[in-house]
Amino acid sequence: MNQEREYIDRLWGCTNIIDGLYYKSARSLHIKDNTLALFYALGDGKIHSQKQLCEEYLFPKTTLNTIVRECTEKGYIALIREHGSKEKSITLTDRGREYAHSILEPIYAAEAAAMRRTLQQFSPKFVEALEDFTKHLQEEFDHSILNRRS
C-alpha cells in the first residue's frame, strides 16, 4: 500500500471514530444524533435558516423538518419568518438555550480538552491542515464524482 493511501485510510478511520463519538454521546444524553447536531449548530446563538442548516450540516430536508417540529413542540426552538422571506429561520428559545447548554457543555468540555492536548503536540497548523485537506477533498469530489452526469 502506498503512503498516500495509508494516510487516507487512517484519516477515514479517525473521522468514523469521531462521528461515532458524537453518535454515542447523543445516545448517552438520550437524544437523537440529528437533534444533537441541530443544537450544536444553534449553539452559536445565531439565527439560522433551514436552508443554511441543510447545506452546512448536510441535514436532509425531511429530517430537519422532523427535528424542528419535535423541538418546537417541546418549546426549545422558535421559527421566525423574516420580513420579505418565504423561508423560516430557527433560533433557540430561553428554554432551548438552557437545554442546549445542558447537553453541549460536556461535549464542549471534552472537545476543548482534546484540542488543547492536540495543539500542545501539533500547533494550530493541525487545524489549518485539516481545513485545507477538507477544501481540497471537496474540490476533487465536486470535480470528479459529485458533478458527474449519469
N, C-alpha and C. Protein backbone atom coordinates (compact mmCIF):
# COMPACT_ATOMS: atom_id res chain seq x y z
N MET A 1 0.84 -1.17 0.00
CA MET A 1 0.00 0.00 0.00
C MET A 1 0.89 1.23 0.00
N ASN A 2 0.55 2.22 -0.83
CA ASN A 2 1.39 3.41 -0.85
C ASN A 2 1.08 4.32 0.34
N GLN A 3 1.99 5.20 0.63
CA GLN A 3 1.90 6.08 1.80
C GLN A 3 0.64 6.94 1.76
N GLU A 4 0.33 7.49 0.60
CA GLU A 4 -0.85 8.34 0.45
C GLU A 4 -2.13 7.58 0.82
N ARG A 5 -2.26 6.35 0.30
CA ARG A 5 -3.44 5.53 0.59
C ARG A 5 -3.51 5.22 2.09
N GLU A 6 -2.36 4.95 2.69
CA GLU A 6 -2.33 4.64 4.12
C GLU A 6 -2.81 5.84 4.94
N TYR A 7 -2.35 7.04 4.58
CA TYR A 7 -2.79 8.25 5.28
C TYR A 7 -4.30 8.45 5.15
N ILE A 8 -4.81 8.25 3.96
CA ILE A 8 -6.25 8.41 3.72
C ILE A 8 -7.03 7.38 4.53
N ASP A 9 -6.58 6.15 4.55
CA ASP A 9 -7.26 5.11 5.33
C ASP A 9 -7.25 5.45 6.82
N ARG A 10 -6.13 5.97 7.32
CA ARG A 10 -6.05 6.34 8.72
C ARG A 10 -6.98 7.52 9.03
N LEU A 11 -7.02 8.48 8.12
CA LEU A 11 -7.90 9.62 8.30
C LEU A 11 -9.36 9.19 8.24
N TRP A 12 -9.69 8.31 7.32
CA TRP A 12 -11.05 7.76 7.22
C TRP A 12 -11.45 7.09 8.53
N GLY A 13 -10.54 6.31 9.09
CA GLY A 13 -10.81 5.65 10.36
C GLY A 13 -11.03 6.65 11.48
N CYS A 14 -10.22 7.70 11.52
CA CYS A 14 -10.38 8.73 12.55
C CYS A 14 -11.72 9.46 12.41
N THR A 15 -12.10 9.82 11.21
CA THR A 15 -13.37 10.54 11.04
C THR A 15 -14.55 9.65 11.42
N ASN A 16 -14.46 8.37 11.16
CA ASN A 16 -15.53 7.46 11.57
C ASN A 16 -15.60 7.33 13.09
N ILE A 17 -14.46 7.28 13.74
CA ILE A 17 -14.45 7.22 15.21
C ILE A 17 -15.02 8.51 15.79
N ILE A 18 -14.61 9.66 15.26
CA ILE A 18 -15.12 10.94 15.73
C ILE A 18 -16.64 11.00 15.56
N ASP A 19 -17.11 10.63 14.39
CA ASP A 19 -18.55 10.61 14.13
C ASP A 19 -19.26 9.70 15.13
N GLY A 20 -18.67 8.55 15.39
CA GLY A 20 -19.23 7.60 16.34
C GLY A 20 -19.27 8.13 17.76
N LEU A 21 -18.28 8.93 18.14
CA LEU A 21 -18.25 9.51 19.48
C LEU A 21 -19.44 10.47 19.68
N TYR A 22 -19.74 11.26 18.66
CA TYR A 22 -20.89 12.17 18.77
C TYR A 22 -22.20 11.38 18.78
N TYR A 23 -22.26 10.32 17.99
CA TYR A 23 -23.45 9.46 17.98
C TYR A 23 -23.67 8.83 19.36
N LYS A 24 -22.59 8.26 19.94
CA LYS A 24 -22.69 7.64 21.26
C LYS A 24 -23.02 8.68 22.33
N SER A 25 -22.47 9.87 22.20
CA SER A 25 -22.77 10.95 23.15
C SER A 25 -24.24 11.31 23.10
N ALA A 26 -24.80 11.41 21.90
CA ALA A 26 -26.22 11.72 21.77
C ALA A 26 -27.05 10.65 22.47
N ARG A 27 -26.72 9.40 22.24
CA ARG A 27 -27.45 8.30 22.87
C ARG A 27 -27.32 8.37 24.39
N SER A 28 -26.14 8.68 24.87
CA SER A 28 -25.91 8.79 26.31
C SER A 28 -26.72 9.95 26.91
N LEU A 29 -26.94 11.00 26.10
CA LEU A 29 -27.71 12.16 26.54
C LEU A 29 -29.21 11.96 26.28
N HIS A 30 -29.57 10.80 25.75
CA HIS A 30 -30.96 10.43 25.48
C HIS A 30 -31.63 11.32 24.44
N ILE A 31 -30.85 11.67 23.41
CA ILE A 31 -31.41 12.41 22.28
C ILE A 31 -30.94 11.77 20.99
N LYS A 32 -31.62 12.09 19.91
CA LYS A 32 -31.24 11.59 18.60
C LYS A 32 -29.97 12.31 18.15
N ASP A 33 -29.15 11.62 17.38
CA ASP A 33 -27.90 12.24 16.93
C ASP A 33 -28.17 13.47 16.07
N ASN A 34 -29.21 13.46 15.26
CA ASN A 34 -29.52 14.64 14.45
C ASN A 34 -30.03 15.79 15.31
N THR A 35 -30.68 15.48 16.41
CA THR A 35 -31.11 16.53 17.33
C THR A 35 -29.89 17.18 17.98
N LEU A 36 -28.92 16.35 18.36
CA LEU A 36 -27.67 16.89 18.90
C LEU A 36 -27.01 17.79 17.86
N ALA A 37 -26.98 17.37 16.62
CA ALA A 37 -26.37 18.17 15.56
C ALA A 37 -27.09 19.51 15.40
N LEU A 38 -28.42 19.51 15.51
CA LEU A 38 -29.17 20.76 15.40
C LEU A 38 -28.81 21.69 16.57
N PHE A 39 -28.80 21.17 17.78
CA PHE A 39 -28.45 22.01 18.93
C PHE A 39 -27.00 22.49 18.83
N TYR A 40 -26.14 21.66 18.30
CA TYR A 40 -24.74 22.05 18.10
C TYR A 40 -24.68 23.24 17.13
N ALA A 41 -25.44 23.14 16.05
CA ALA A 41 -25.47 24.23 15.06
C ALA A 41 -26.04 25.51 15.66
N LEU A 42 -27.09 25.37 16.45
CA LEU A 42 -27.74 26.54 17.04
C LEU A 42 -27.02 27.05 18.28
N GLY A 43 -26.06 26.29 18.77
CA GLY A 43 -25.33 26.64 19.98
C GLY A 43 -24.51 27.91 19.86
N ASP A 44 -24.33 28.40 18.64
CA ASP A 44 -23.58 29.64 18.46
C ASP A 44 -24.42 30.87 18.78
N GLY A 45 -25.73 30.66 19.07
CA GLY A 45 -26.60 31.78 19.45
C GLY A 45 -27.14 32.58 18.30
N LYS A 46 -26.80 32.21 17.09
CA LYS A 46 -27.26 32.95 15.91
C LYS A 46 -28.56 32.34 15.38
N ILE A 47 -29.23 33.11 14.55
CA ILE A 47 -30.42 32.62 13.86
C ILE A 47 -29.95 31.97 12.57
N HIS A 48 -30.46 30.77 12.28
CA HIS A 48 -30.06 30.03 11.08
C HIS A 48 -31.28 29.72 10.24
N SER A 49 -31.13 29.83 8.93
CA SER A 49 -32.22 29.41 8.05
C SER A 49 -32.17 27.89 7.91
N GLN A 50 -33.32 27.31 7.60
CA GLN A 50 -33.37 25.88 7.39
C GLN A 50 -32.48 25.50 6.21
N LYS A 51 -32.47 26.31 5.18
CA LYS A 51 -31.63 26.06 4.00
C LYS A 51 -30.15 26.04 4.40
N GLN A 52 -29.75 27.01 5.18
CA GLN A 52 -28.36 27.08 5.65
C GLN A 52 -27.98 25.84 6.44
N LEU A 53 -28.86 25.42 7.33
CA LEU A 53 -28.58 24.23 8.15
C LEU A 53 -28.46 22.98 7.27
N CYS A 54 -29.32 22.86 6.28
CA CYS A 54 -29.25 21.71 5.38
C CYS A 54 -27.94 21.70 4.60
N GLU A 55 -27.50 22.87 4.15
CA GLU A 55 -26.27 22.95 3.36
C GLU A 55 -25.02 22.75 4.21
N GLU A 56 -24.97 23.41 5.36
CA GLU A 56 -23.75 23.37 6.18
C GLU A 56 -23.61 22.10 7.00
N TYR A 57 -24.73 21.53 7.44
CA TYR A 57 -24.68 20.36 8.31
C TYR A 57 -25.18 19.10 7.62
N LEU A 58 -25.47 19.22 6.33
CA LEU A 58 -25.89 18.09 5.49
C LEU A 58 -27.12 17.37 6.03
N PHE A 59 -28.03 18.13 6.62
CA PHE A 59 -29.31 17.56 7.04
C PHE A 59 -30.17 17.32 5.82
N PRO A 60 -30.75 16.16 5.65
CA PRO A 60 -31.81 16.02 4.64
C PRO A 60 -32.99 16.91 5.09
N LYS A 61 -33.66 17.53 4.14
CA LYS A 61 -34.74 18.46 4.48
C LYS A 61 -35.81 17.81 5.34
N THR A 62 -36.19 16.59 5.00
CA THR A 62 -37.25 15.92 5.77
C THR A 62 -36.80 15.64 7.20
N THR A 63 -35.55 15.26 7.37
CA THR A 63 -35.00 15.01 8.71
C THR A 63 -35.01 16.29 9.53
N LEU A 64 -34.54 17.38 8.92
CA LEU A 64 -34.52 18.66 9.63
C LEU A 64 -35.93 19.09 9.99
N ASN A 65 -36.86 18.94 9.07
CA ASN A 65 -38.25 19.31 9.35
C ASN A 65 -38.81 18.54 10.54
N THR A 66 -38.51 17.25 10.60
CA THR A 66 -38.97 16.42 11.72
C THR A 66 -38.38 16.89 13.03
N ILE A 67 -37.08 17.13 13.06
CA ILE A 67 -36.40 17.57 14.28
C ILE A 67 -36.92 18.94 14.71
N VAL A 68 -37.08 19.83 13.75
CA VAL A 68 -37.57 21.17 14.06
C VAL A 68 -38.98 21.09 14.66
N ARG A 69 -39.83 20.27 14.08
CA ARG A 69 -41.19 20.12 14.61
C ARG A 69 -41.14 19.60 16.05
N GLU A 70 -40.34 18.56 16.29
CA GLU A 70 -40.22 17.99 17.65
C GLU A 70 -39.70 19.02 18.65
N CYS A 71 -38.69 19.76 18.25
CA CYS A 71 -38.09 20.74 19.17
C CYS A 71 -39.00 21.96 19.37
N THR A 72 -39.78 22.30 18.38
CA THR A 72 -40.75 23.39 18.52
C THR A 72 -41.83 22.98 19.50
N GLU A 73 -42.30 21.75 19.37
CA GLU A 73 -43.35 21.23 20.27
C GLU A 73 -42.87 21.20 21.73
N LYS A 74 -41.58 20.98 21.93
CA LYS A 74 -41.02 20.95 23.28
C LYS A 74 -40.67 22.33 23.80
N GLY A 75 -40.82 23.35 22.95
CA GLY A 75 -40.52 24.72 23.34
C GLY A 75 -39.05 25.08 23.31
N TYR A 76 -38.24 24.29 22.60
CA TYR A 76 -36.80 24.54 22.55
C TYR A 76 -36.40 25.53 21.46
N ILE A 77 -37.14 25.56 20.38
CA ILE A 77 -36.79 26.46 19.28
C ILE A 77 -38.03 27.23 18.83
N ALA A 78 -37.76 28.36 18.19
CA ALA A 78 -38.82 29.17 17.61
C ALA A 78 -38.52 29.36 16.13
N LEU A 79 -39.56 29.40 15.35
CA LEU A 79 -39.42 29.65 13.92
C LEU A 79 -39.76 31.12 13.67
N ILE A 80 -38.92 31.77 12.92
CA ILE A 80 -39.06 33.19 12.64
C ILE A 80 -39.11 33.39 11.13
N ARG A 81 -40.11 34.08 10.67
CA ARG A 81 -40.16 34.43 9.25
C ARG A 81 -39.70 35.87 9.13
N GLU A 82 -38.55 36.02 8.51
CA GLU A 82 -38.01 37.36 8.36
C GLU A 82 -38.77 38.10 7.27
N HIS A 83 -38.88 39.39 7.42
CA HIS A 83 -39.67 40.22 6.50
C HIS A 83 -39.24 40.00 5.05
N GLY A 84 -40.21 39.69 4.22
CA GLY A 84 -39.97 39.52 2.80
C GLY A 84 -39.42 38.17 2.40
N SER A 85 -39.24 37.27 3.36
CA SER A 85 -38.69 35.96 3.06
C SER A 85 -39.77 34.89 3.17
N LYS A 86 -39.72 33.93 2.28
CA LYS A 86 -40.64 32.80 2.35
C LYS A 86 -40.17 31.78 3.37
N GLU A 87 -38.87 31.75 3.58
CA GLU A 87 -38.28 30.72 4.43
C GLU A 87 -38.27 31.16 5.89
N LYS A 88 -38.48 30.18 6.76
CA LYS A 88 -38.43 30.43 8.19
C LYS A 88 -37.03 30.16 8.70
N SER A 89 -36.62 30.98 9.66
CA SER A 89 -35.34 30.78 10.31
C SER A 89 -35.59 30.18 11.69
N ILE A 90 -34.54 29.60 12.24
CA ILE A 90 -34.63 28.87 13.50
C ILE A 90 -33.74 29.54 14.54
N THR A 91 -34.28 29.68 15.74
CA THR A 91 -33.50 30.20 16.85
C THR A 91 -33.90 29.46 18.12
N LEU A 92 -33.01 29.44 19.08
CA LEU A 92 -33.31 28.81 20.36
C LEU A 92 -34.17 29.74 21.21
N THR A 93 -35.12 29.18 21.92
CA THR A 93 -35.87 29.91 22.93
C THR A 93 -35.04 29.94 24.20
N ASP A 94 -35.50 30.65 25.22
CA ASP A 94 -34.79 30.63 26.51
C ASP A 94 -34.70 29.21 27.04
N ARG A 95 -35.81 28.49 26.96
CA ARG A 95 -35.82 27.09 27.40
C ARG A 95 -34.84 26.26 26.56
N GLY A 96 -34.81 26.53 25.26
CA GLY A 96 -33.91 25.82 24.36
C GLY A 96 -32.45 26.11 24.65
N ARG A 97 -32.15 27.37 25.01
CA ARG A 97 -30.76 27.71 25.37
C ARG A 97 -30.32 26.96 26.62
N GLU A 98 -31.22 26.87 27.59
CA GLU A 98 -30.90 26.12 28.81
C GLU A 98 -30.66 24.64 28.49
N TYR A 99 -31.55 24.08 27.68
CA TYR A 99 -31.42 22.67 27.31
C TYR A 99 -30.14 22.45 26.49
N ALA A 100 -29.91 23.33 25.52
CA ALA A 100 -28.70 23.20 24.70
C ALA A 100 -27.45 23.26 25.56
N HIS A 101 -27.44 24.17 26.52
CA HIS A 101 -26.29 24.28 27.42
C HIS A 101 -26.07 22.98 28.18
N SER A 102 -27.18 22.38 28.65
CA SER A 102 -27.05 21.16 29.44
C SER A 102 -26.48 19.99 28.63
N ILE A 103 -26.81 19.92 27.34
CA ILE A 103 -26.29 18.81 26.54
C ILE A 103 -24.96 19.14 25.87
N LEU A 104 -24.73 20.42 25.60
CA LEU A 104 -23.50 20.78 24.89
C LEU A 104 -22.31 21.02 25.81
N GLU A 105 -22.57 21.40 27.05
CA GLU A 105 -21.47 21.70 27.98
C GLU A 105 -20.48 20.55 28.12
N PRO A 106 -20.92 19.30 28.36
CA PRO A 106 -19.94 18.22 28.47
C PRO A 106 -19.23 17.93 27.15
N ILE A 107 -19.93 18.13 26.05
CA ILE A 107 -19.31 17.91 24.73
C ILE A 107 -18.25 18.98 24.47
N TYR A 108 -18.61 20.25 24.72
CA TYR A 108 -17.64 21.34 24.54
C TYR A 108 -16.42 21.13 25.43
N ALA A 109 -16.63 20.67 26.66
CA ALA A 109 -15.52 20.45 27.59
C ALA A 109 -14.58 19.36 27.07
N ALA A 110 -15.16 18.26 26.59
CA ALA A 110 -14.34 17.17 26.04
C ALA A 110 -13.59 17.63 24.79
N GLU A 111 -14.28 18.37 23.93
CA GLU A 111 -13.64 18.88 22.71
C GLU A 111 -12.48 19.82 23.06
N ALA A 112 -12.71 20.72 24.01
CA ALA A 112 -11.68 21.68 24.39
C ALA A 112 -10.45 20.98 24.96
N ALA A 113 -10.69 20.00 25.82
CA ALA A 113 -9.57 19.27 26.41
C ALA A 113 -8.78 18.52 25.33
N ALA A 114 -9.50 17.87 24.41
CA ALA A 114 -8.83 17.14 23.33
C ALA A 114 -8.06 18.10 22.43
N MET A 115 -8.65 19.27 22.15
CA MET A 115 -7.97 20.24 21.28
C MET A 115 -6.73 20.79 21.97
N ARG A 116 -6.83 21.11 23.25
CA ARG A 116 -5.64 21.60 23.99
C ARG A 116 -4.50 20.59 23.90
N ARG A 117 -4.81 19.33 24.16
CA ARG A 117 -3.78 18.29 24.12
C ARG A 117 -3.19 18.15 22.72
N THR A 118 -4.04 18.25 21.72
CA THR A 118 -3.56 18.12 20.34
C THR A 118 -2.71 19.31 19.94
N LEU A 119 -3.15 20.52 20.29
CA LEU A 119 -2.39 21.72 19.92
C LEU A 119 -1.06 21.81 20.65
N GLN A 120 -0.98 21.24 21.85
CA GLN A 120 0.31 21.18 22.55
C GLN A 120 1.31 20.36 21.75
N GLN A 121 0.80 19.37 21.08
CA GLN A 121 1.67 18.47 20.31
C GLN A 121 1.90 18.97 18.89
N PHE A 122 0.88 19.55 18.26
CA PHE A 122 0.99 19.85 16.83
C PHE A 122 0.84 21.31 16.42
N SER A 123 0.44 22.20 17.28
CA SER A 123 0.21 23.61 16.98
C SER A 123 -1.06 23.80 16.16
N PRO A 124 -1.49 25.06 15.99
CA PRO A 124 -2.70 25.34 15.21
C PRO A 124 -2.58 24.91 13.73
N LYS A 125 -1.39 24.60 13.29
CA LYS A 125 -1.22 24.11 11.91
C LYS A 125 -2.03 22.83 11.69
N PHE A 126 -2.28 22.09 12.76
CA PHE A 126 -3.09 20.87 12.68
C PHE A 126 -4.47 21.21 12.12
N VAL A 127 -5.12 22.23 12.67
CA VAL A 127 -6.46 22.62 12.23
C VAL A 127 -6.41 23.17 10.82
N GLU A 128 -5.41 24.00 10.54
CA GLU A 128 -5.27 24.57 9.20
C GLU A 128 -5.07 23.48 8.15
N ALA A 129 -4.28 22.49 8.48
CA ALA A 129 -4.05 21.38 7.54
C ALA A 129 -5.33 20.59 7.29
N LEU A 130 -6.10 20.33 8.34
CA LEU A 130 -7.36 19.60 8.17
C LEU A 130 -8.35 20.42 7.34
N GLU A 131 -8.39 21.72 7.58
CA GLU A 131 -9.27 22.59 6.77
C GLU A 131 -8.85 22.56 5.30
N ASP A 132 -7.55 22.63 5.04
CA ASP A 132 -7.07 22.58 3.66
C ASP A 132 -7.40 21.24 3.01
N PHE A 133 -7.17 20.15 3.73
CA PHE A 133 -7.49 18.83 3.18
C PHE A 133 -8.98 18.75 2.86
N THR A 134 -9.82 19.24 3.76
CA THR A 134 -11.27 19.22 3.55
C THR A 134 -11.63 20.01 2.30
N LYS A 135 -11.07 21.19 2.16
CA LYS A 135 -11.34 22.03 0.99
C LYS A 135 -10.89 21.33 -0.30
N HIS A 136 -9.71 20.76 -0.28
CA HIS A 136 -9.18 20.07 -1.46
C HIS A 136 -10.01 18.83 -1.80
N LEU A 137 -10.41 18.10 -0.77
CA LEU A 137 -11.23 16.91 -0.99
C LEU A 137 -12.58 17.30 -1.60
N GLN A 138 -13.17 18.37 -1.09
CA GLN A 138 -14.44 18.84 -1.64
C GLN A 138 -14.28 19.23 -3.10
N GLU A 139 -13.21 19.93 -3.43
CA GLU A 139 -12.96 20.32 -4.82
C GLU A 139 -12.81 19.10 -5.71
N GLU A 140 -12.06 18.10 -5.24
CA GLU A 140 -11.84 16.89 -6.03
C GLU A 140 -13.13 16.09 -6.20
N PHE A 141 -13.91 15.97 -5.13
CA PHE A 141 -15.19 15.26 -5.23
C PHE A 141 -16.13 16.00 -6.17
N ASP A 142 -16.19 17.34 -6.03
CA ASP A 142 -17.05 18.12 -6.92
C ASP A 142 -16.65 17.95 -8.37
N HIS A 143 -15.36 17.93 -8.60
CA HIS A 143 -14.84 17.82 -9.97
C HIS A 143 -15.03 16.43 -10.56
N SER A 144 -14.77 15.40 -9.78
CA SER A 144 -14.72 14.06 -10.37
C SER A 144 -15.89 13.14 -10.04
N ILE A 145 -16.65 13.43 -8.99
CA ILE A 145 -17.68 12.49 -8.58
C ILE A 145 -19.06 13.14 -8.51
N LEU A 146 -19.16 14.22 -7.79
CA LEU A 146 -20.48 14.80 -7.49
C LEU A 146 -21.13 15.51 -8.67
N ASN A 147 -20.35 15.95 -9.62
CA ASN A 147 -20.93 16.65 -10.75
C ASN A 147 -20.97 15.80 -12.01
N ARG A 148 -20.81 14.51 -11.83
CA ARG A 148 -20.88 13.57 -12.96
C ARG A 148 -22.30 13.46 -13.47
N ARG A 149 -22.44 13.38 -14.72
CA ARG A 149 -23.75 13.17 -15.34
C ARG A 149 -24.00 11.66 -15.39
N SER A 150 -25.19 11.23 -14.99
CA SER A 150 -25.48 9.80 -15.02
C SER A 150 -25.89 9.36 -16.40
